[in-house]
N, C-alpha and C. Protein backbone atom coordinates (compact mmCIF):
# COMPACT_ATOMS: atom_id res chain seq x y z
N MET A 1 -82.16 25.69 -6.05
CA MET A 1 -82.45 26.75 -4.87
C MET A 1 -81.06 26.84 -4.06
N LEU A 2 -80.79 28.23 -4.06
CA LEU A 2 -79.60 28.77 -3.32
C LEU A 2 -79.45 28.27 -1.84
N ASP A 3 -78.26 27.64 -1.36
CA ASP A 3 -77.87 27.17 -0.23
C ASP A 3 -78.06 28.47 1.15
N ILE A 4 -77.78 29.52 0.54
CA ILE A 4 -77.81 30.96 1.63
C ILE A 4 -76.90 30.19 2.62
N ARG A 5 -75.66 30.14 2.51
CA ARG A 5 -74.53 30.01 3.67
C ARG A 5 -74.61 31.09 4.63
N PRO A 6 -74.24 30.58 5.59
CA PRO A 6 -74.21 31.62 6.91
C PRO A 6 -73.12 32.36 6.88
N THR A 7 -71.83 32.18 6.49
CA THR A 7 -70.56 32.86 6.76
C THR A 7 -69.89 33.12 5.58
N CYS A 8 -68.76 34.03 5.55
CA CYS A 8 -68.05 34.40 4.47
C CYS A 8 -67.00 33.22 4.64
N GLU A 9 -66.48 32.48 3.53
CA GLU A 9 -65.52 31.45 3.46
C GLU A 9 -64.10 31.88 4.08
N ASN A 10 -63.73 33.07 3.59
CA ASN A 10 -62.50 33.85 4.04
C ASN A 10 -62.31 34.17 5.37
N CYS A 11 -63.11 35.23 5.91
CA CYS A 11 -62.90 35.95 7.24
C CYS A 11 -63.85 34.95 8.51
N ASN A 12 -64.80 34.41 7.77
CA ASN A 12 -65.78 33.87 8.86
C ASN A 12 -67.22 34.49 9.30
N LYS A 13 -67.05 35.86 8.64
CA LYS A 13 -68.04 36.84 9.14
C LYS A 13 -69.59 36.35 9.14
N ASN A 14 -70.36 36.47 9.87
CA ASN A 14 -71.73 36.29 9.85
C ASN A 14 -72.28 36.94 8.59
N LEU A 15 -72.93 36.13 7.67
CA LEU A 15 -73.88 36.46 6.76
C LEU A 15 -75.36 35.82 6.54
N PRO A 16 -76.25 36.69 7.64
CA PRO A 16 -77.48 35.79 7.70
C PRO A 16 -78.11 35.98 6.34
N PHE A 17 -79.59 35.45 6.08
CA PHE A 17 -80.29 35.40 5.23
C PHE A 17 -80.53 36.81 4.30
N ASP A 18 -80.70 37.57 5.34
CA ASP A 18 -80.85 39.12 4.71
C ASP A 18 -79.57 40.02 4.59
N SER A 19 -78.48 39.49 4.52
CA SER A 19 -77.34 40.41 4.44
C SER A 19 -77.11 41.13 3.30
N GLN A 20 -76.85 42.12 3.13
CA GLN A 20 -76.54 43.09 2.10
C GLN A 20 -75.16 42.93 1.46
N GLU A 21 -74.63 42.22 2.67
CA GLU A 21 -72.93 42.20 2.19
C GLU A 21 -72.55 40.64 1.74
N ALA A 22 -73.36 39.99 1.32
CA ALA A 22 -73.19 38.43 0.91
C ALA A 22 -72.98 38.60 -0.74
N MET A 23 -71.95 37.85 -0.96
CA MET A 23 -71.43 37.56 -2.55
C MET A 23 -71.50 36.32 -2.79
N ILE A 24 -71.78 35.75 -3.87
CA ILE A 24 -71.53 34.30 -4.48
C ILE A 24 -70.95 34.40 -5.75
N CYS A 25 -70.61 33.42 -6.08
CA CYS A 25 -69.97 33.13 -7.32
C CYS A 25 -71.19 32.28 -8.04
N THR A 26 -70.86 31.70 -9.13
CA THR A 26 -71.68 30.72 -9.66
C THR A 26 -71.88 29.36 -9.19
N PHE A 27 -70.81 28.85 -8.37
CA PHE A 27 -71.04 27.73 -7.58
C PHE A 27 -71.28 27.89 -5.93
N GLU A 28 -71.69 29.20 -5.68
CA GLU A 28 -72.42 29.50 -4.55
C GLU A 28 -71.26 29.59 -3.22
N CYS A 29 -69.88 29.79 -3.67
CA CYS A 29 -69.09 30.03 -2.73
C CYS A 29 -69.55 31.34 -2.39
N THR A 30 -69.23 31.60 -0.93
CA THR A 30 -69.82 32.80 -0.18
C THR A 30 -68.79 33.45 0.35
N PHE A 31 -68.60 34.83 0.11
CA PHE A 31 -68.07 35.66 0.62
C PHE A 31 -68.53 36.95 1.32
N CYS A 32 -67.82 37.65 2.10
CA CYS A 32 -68.68 38.61 2.47
C CYS A 32 -67.91 40.06 1.29
N LYS A 33 -68.80 41.15 1.13
CA LYS A 33 -68.31 42.23 0.18
C LYS A 33 -66.68 42.78 0.50
N ASP A 34 -66.45 43.09 1.73
CA ASP A 34 -65.16 43.28 2.12
C ASP A 34 -63.91 42.32 1.55
N CYS A 35 -64.27 41.12 1.59
CA CYS A 35 -63.21 40.04 1.41
C CYS A 35 -63.10 40.07 -0.34
N VAL A 36 -64.40 40.23 -0.86
CA VAL A 36 -64.59 40.26 -2.26
C VAL A 36 -63.78 41.50 -2.93
N ASP A 37 -64.04 42.76 -2.46
CA ASP A 37 -63.45 43.66 -3.21
C ASP A 37 -62.05 44.25 -2.69
N ASN A 38 -61.70 43.77 -1.13
CA ASN A 38 -60.41 44.05 -1.03
C ASN A 38 -59.02 42.94 -0.77
N ILE A 39 -59.67 41.79 -0.73
CA ILE A 39 -58.53 40.78 -0.64
C ILE A 39 -58.50 40.01 -2.03
N LEU A 40 -59.85 39.83 -2.51
CA LEU A 40 -59.96 38.65 -3.65
C LEU A 40 -59.97 39.14 -4.96
N HIS A 41 -60.13 40.74 -5.06
CA HIS A 41 -60.07 41.40 -6.02
C HIS A 41 -61.28 40.90 -7.07
N LYS A 42 -62.15 40.51 -6.54
CA LYS A 42 -63.54 40.12 -7.49
C LYS A 42 -63.39 38.98 -8.15
N ILE A 43 -62.43 38.14 -7.68
CA ILE A 43 -62.12 36.77 -8.46
C ILE A 43 -62.15 35.90 -7.41
N CYS A 44 -63.14 34.88 -7.63
CA CYS A 44 -63.24 33.53 -6.67
C CYS A 44 -62.03 32.80 -6.52
N PRO A 45 -61.36 32.66 -5.47
CA PRO A 45 -60.32 31.65 -5.34
C PRO A 45 -60.68 30.34 -5.64
N ASN A 46 -61.71 29.89 -5.67
CA ASN A 46 -62.20 28.46 -5.78
C ASN A 46 -62.08 28.07 -7.04
N CYS A 47 -62.92 29.02 -7.83
CA CYS A 47 -63.44 28.58 -9.47
C CYS A 47 -62.87 29.65 -10.41
N GLY A 48 -62.49 30.67 -10.08
CA GLY A 48 -61.72 31.78 -10.89
C GLY A 48 -63.06 32.71 -11.27
N GLY A 49 -64.19 32.46 -11.03
CA GLY A 49 -65.46 33.43 -11.72
C GLY A 49 -65.40 34.55 -10.92
N GLY A 50 -66.48 35.26 -11.11
CA GLY A 50 -66.62 36.58 -10.58
C GLY A 50 -67.80 36.42 -9.60
N PHE A 51 -68.02 37.32 -9.05
CA PHE A 51 -69.10 37.50 -7.92
C PHE A 51 -70.33 38.53 -8.20
N GLU A 52 -71.41 37.84 -7.67
CA GLU A 52 -72.75 38.70 -7.58
C GLU A 52 -73.04 38.90 -6.16
N LYS A 53 -74.23 40.04 -6.27
CA LYS A 53 -74.80 40.04 -4.70
C LYS A 53 -75.68 38.90 -4.44
N ARG A 54 -75.66 38.27 -3.35
CA ARG A 54 -76.55 36.94 -3.17
C ARG A 54 -78.11 37.51 -2.92
N PRO A 55 -78.83 36.91 -3.39
CA PRO A 55 -80.26 37.20 -3.32
C PRO A 55 -80.67 36.97 -1.92
N ILE A 56 -81.69 37.83 -1.54
CA ILE A 56 -82.21 37.62 0.04
C ILE A 56 -83.46 36.76 -0.29
N ARG A 57 -83.59 35.68 0.58
CA ARG A 57 -84.63 34.80 0.81
C ARG A 57 -85.57 35.37 1.67
N PRO A 58 -86.95 35.76 1.16
CA PRO A 58 -88.08 36.33 1.69
C PRO A 58 -87.99 35.57 3.00
N GLU A 59 -88.09 36.46 4.35
CA GLU A 59 -88.11 35.65 5.41
C GLU A 59 -89.59 34.86 5.67
N SER A 60 -90.56 35.11 4.89
CA SER A 60 -91.71 34.43 5.04
C SER A 60 -91.69 32.95 4.32
N LEU A 61 -90.26 32.42 3.70
CA LEU A 61 -90.19 31.46 3.07
C LEU A 61 -89.01 30.62 4.00
N LEU A 62 -88.69 31.25 4.88
CA LEU A 62 -87.61 30.58 5.48
C LEU A 62 -88.11 29.34 6.27
N GLU A 63 -89.14 29.30 6.87
CA GLU A 63 -89.43 27.78 7.43
C GLU A 63 -89.54 26.66 6.25
N LYS A 64 -90.31 26.97 5.30
CA LYS A 64 -90.24 26.21 4.12
C LYS A 64 -89.11 25.86 3.37
N TYR A 65 -88.21 26.71 3.38
CA TYR A 65 -86.70 26.48 2.49
C TYR A 65 -86.19 27.13 3.47
N PRO A 66 -85.74 26.40 4.53
CA PRO A 66 -84.54 27.10 5.38
C PRO A 66 -83.08 27.26 4.71
N VAL A 67 -82.38 28.16 5.38
CA VAL A 67 -81.02 28.58 4.82
C VAL A 67 -80.13 27.37 5.43
N SER A 68 -78.78 27.29 4.96
CA SER A 68 -77.80 26.36 5.28
C SER A 68 -77.25 26.87 6.73
N THR A 69 -77.09 25.58 7.52
CA THR A 69 -76.23 25.95 8.57
C THR A 69 -74.73 25.78 8.51
N LYS A 70 -74.43 25.08 7.29
CA LYS A 70 -73.35 24.44 7.35
C LYS A 70 -72.27 25.54 7.16
N ILE A 71 -71.06 25.67 7.85
CA ILE A 71 -70.13 26.79 7.75
C ILE A 71 -69.21 26.25 7.04
N VAL A 72 -68.63 26.99 5.84
CA VAL A 72 -67.26 26.60 4.96
C VAL A 72 -66.66 27.60 5.33
N HIS A 73 -65.33 27.61 6.20
CA HIS A 73 -64.66 28.65 6.46
C HIS A 73 -63.23 28.20 6.14
N LYS A 74 -62.71 28.34 5.10
CA LYS A 74 -61.12 28.03 4.54
C LYS A 74 -60.65 29.12 4.16
N PRO A 75 -59.91 29.81 5.11
CA PRO A 75 -59.06 31.24 4.51
C PRO A 75 -58.33 30.85 3.41
N VAL A 76 -58.30 32.31 2.50
CA VAL A 76 -57.77 31.97 1.22
C VAL A 76 -56.18 32.15 1.59
N ASP A 77 -55.28 31.60 0.74
CA ASP A 77 -53.98 31.74 0.80
C ASP A 77 -53.88 33.03 -0.13
N ILE A 78 -53.51 34.32 0.62
CA ILE A 78 -53.80 35.34 -0.37
C ILE A 78 -52.71 35.45 -1.37
N GLU A 79 -51.53 35.28 -0.78
CA GLU A 79 -50.15 35.10 -1.87
C GLU A 79 -50.54 34.15 -3.27
N LYS A 80 -50.98 33.12 -2.78
CA LYS A 80 -51.21 32.20 -4.02
C LYS A 80 -52.49 32.73 -4.85
N HIS A 81 -53.35 33.32 -4.36
CA HIS A 81 -54.48 34.06 -5.12
C HIS A 81 -53.98 35.05 -6.06
N LEU A 82 -53.34 35.94 -5.25
CA LEU A 82 -52.66 36.86 -6.09
C LEU A 82 -51.87 36.66 -7.17
N LYS A 83 -51.22 35.59 -7.10
CA LYS A 83 -50.31 34.74 -8.11
C LYS A 83 -51.10 34.49 -9.24
N SER A 84 -52.17 33.92 -8.93
CA SER A 84 -52.98 33.16 -10.06
C SER A 84 -53.61 34.34 -10.76
N ILE A 85 -54.05 35.37 -10.06
CA ILE A 85 -54.73 36.53 -10.72
C ILE A 85 -53.81 37.24 -11.80
N LYS A 86 -52.45 37.21 -11.36
CA LYS A 86 -51.38 37.99 -12.20
C LYS A 86 -51.21 36.95 -13.46
N SER A 87 -51.25 35.63 -13.24
CA SER A 87 -50.89 34.88 -14.11
C SER A 87 -51.90 34.58 -15.35
N LYS A 88 -53.05 35.21 -15.32
CA LYS A 88 -53.99 35.18 -16.24
C LYS A 88 -53.94 36.30 -17.24
């Protein structure tokens, strides 16, 4: 089951369970669409994988399957990330 993390790892933007802006990689690294498109160039800075839109957990299941409250905020070193993209 997905964690459904509450914020963007880079900019810390709030990404509630029903956010249309939440993007995840295969390891559930969670970023907002703006960071994915404009800063990360659609490449996860943690694993090097791509992103997909995070599914929305139905509100009716939130009580039984609550979303994560753990905030992972570790802003990306943009310069380092861009260098790693160019070296591939």
